[in-house]
Structure formats: structure tokens, C-alpha cells
Amino acid sequence: MKKKKKRKRIVFDKHHILPSSKNGSNERWNIAIIDKIKHNVYHQLFKNRTPVEIICYLVEYFWSGQWNYVELALEKKKSVRAFERSSK
């Protein structure tokens, strides 16, 4: 007889996009509901940095100051959004 697999229960956390420690509000636009484990990993990696500080940190320490990666990501996002709008 096979044992039933126990489903892992996912626990969610409120994550402030702009950290409350840096005057981020509790407004809906500043809150993301994310998996608690991912939330902990996020703070291990990025501490309480703002999104802009995180991007600057990644460019400086991981991408050798190459901002073109950020520019490419923004261009990709723009083209995806344009495609989504045109397919409605």
C-alpha cells in the first residue's frame, strides 16, 4: 500500500516593496504577498534595500558595471507589454 504524500503547506508573507524601514507605506501598491521562504531568501540577499538600490547593487557587484543588462531587460518588458496590448 502506497503512503499518501503529504502536501507542503505554503505560508505567505507580506513584503514591502519599498521597505517600511525606509518610509515605505502599508498602501496596497507597496505590498506584495509572497511565499515566506522566498521572502526570507530575498532579505538574506538584499537586506532592506529598495528596488533601485538592488538594481544598482547587482550592476556594481555582479555585472561589472554593465548597465546594458538593465536596458535590455527594460526593452524586453516594453516589447512584451506592446504585444499584450495588441493581442487584446
Protein backbone atom coordinates (compact mmCIF):
# COMPACT_ATOMS: atom_id res chain seq x y z
CA MET A 1 0.00 0.00 0.00
CA LYS A 2 1.35 3.40 -1.02
CA LYS A 3 1.69 6.14 1.52
CA LYS A 4 -0.16 9.32 0.70
CA LYS A 5 2.19 12.17 0.00
CA LYS A 6 1.77 14.93 2.48
CA ARG A 7 1.26 18.23 0.71
CA LYS A 8 3.51 21.01 1.87
CA ARG A 9 1.56 23.94 3.10
CA ILE A 10 2.77 27.20 1.63
CA VAL A 11 2.86 30.07 4.06
CA PHE A 12 2.65 33.59 2.68
CA ASP A 13 4.13 36.83 3.95
CA LYS A 14 3.51 40.50 3.30
CA HIS A 15 6.56 42.02 1.64
CA HIS A 16 7.05 45.78 1.47
CA ILE A 17 8.41 46.69 -1.97
CA LEU A 18 9.75 49.95 -0.55
CA PRO A 19 10.87 48.82 2.92
CA SER A 20 8.91 50.20 5.85
CA SER A 21 12.30 50.91 7.47
CA LYS A 22 12.86 53.38 4.62
CA ASN A 23 9.45 55.05 4.96
CA GLY A 24 7.66 52.58 2.67
CA SER A 25 3.94 52.69 3.32
CA ASN A 26 1.42 49.97 4.05
CA GLU A 27 -0.56 51.02 0.98
CA ARG A 28 -1.70 48.23 -1.31
CA TRP A 29 0.68 49.29 -4.15
CA ASN A 30 3.66 48.79 -1.82
CA ILE A 31 2.76 45.30 -0.62
CA ALA A 32 3.49 42.02 -2.38
CA ILE A 33 2.18 38.74 -0.99
CA ILE A 34 4.95 36.18 -1.44
CA ASP A 35 5.97 32.74 -0.23
CA LYS A 36 7.55 33.07 3.24
CA ILE A 37 10.65 31.05 2.24
CA LYS A 38 11.25 33.26 -0.81
CA HIS A 39 10.70 36.32 1.38
CA ASN A 40 13.42 35.19 3.78
CA VAL A 41 15.82 34.46 0.90
CA TYR A 42 15.09 37.88 -0.59
CA HIS A 43 16.11 39.59 2.65
CA GLN A 44 19.20 37.41 3.03
CA LEU A 45 20.31 38.53 -0.42
CA PHE A 46 19.20 42.15 -0.46
CA LYS A 47 18.68 43.13 3.20
CA ASN A 48 16.26 46.07 3.30
CA ARG A 49 17.33 47.69 0.05
CA THR A 50 14.88 49.49 -2.19
CA PRO A 51 14.32 48.16 -5.73
CA VAL A 52 16.59 50.90 -7.15
CA GLU A 53 19.32 50.09 -4.61
CA ILE A 54 19.05 46.39 -5.54
CA ILE A 55 19.47 47.11 -9.23
CA CYS A 56 22.48 49.34 -8.53
CA TYR A 57 23.94 46.63 -6.26
CA LEU A 58 23.53 43.94 -8.93
CA VAL A 59 25.07 46.11 -11.65
CA GLU A 60 28.03 47.10 -9.49
CA TYR A 61 28.86 43.76 -7.85
CA PHE A 62 27.60 41.12 -10.25
CA TRP A 63 27.50 42.68 -13.72
CA SER A 64 30.78 44.65 -13.69
CA GLY A 65 29.02 47.99 -14.03
CA GLN A 66 27.31 46.99 -17.26
CA TRP A 67 24.02 48.86 -17.25
CA ASN A 68 23.19 47.48 -20.69
CA TYR A 69 21.68 44.41 -18.94
CA VAL A 70 19.14 46.66 -17.25
CA GLU A 71 18.45 48.46 -20.53
CA LEU A 72 17.93 45.12 -22.30
CA ALA A 73 15.51 43.96 -19.62
CA LEU A 74 13.52 47.21 -19.89
CA GLU A 75 13.37 46.93 -23.68
CA LYS A 76 12.19 43.32 -23.43
CA LYS A 77 9.50 44.33 -20.94
CA LYS A 78 8.32 47.13 -23.26
CA SER A 79 8.03 44.76 -26.22
CA VAL A 80 6.11 42.19 -24.14
CA ARG A 81 3.70 44.87 -22.95
CA ALA A 82 3.19 46.14 -26.50
CA PHE A 83 2.47 42.59 -27.67
CA GLU A 84 -0.01 42.03 -24.82
CA ARG A 85 -1.84 45.27 -25.68
CA SER A 86 -2.02 44.45 -29.38
CA SER A 87 -3.39 40.95 -28.79
CA LYS A 88 -6.39 42.15 -26.76
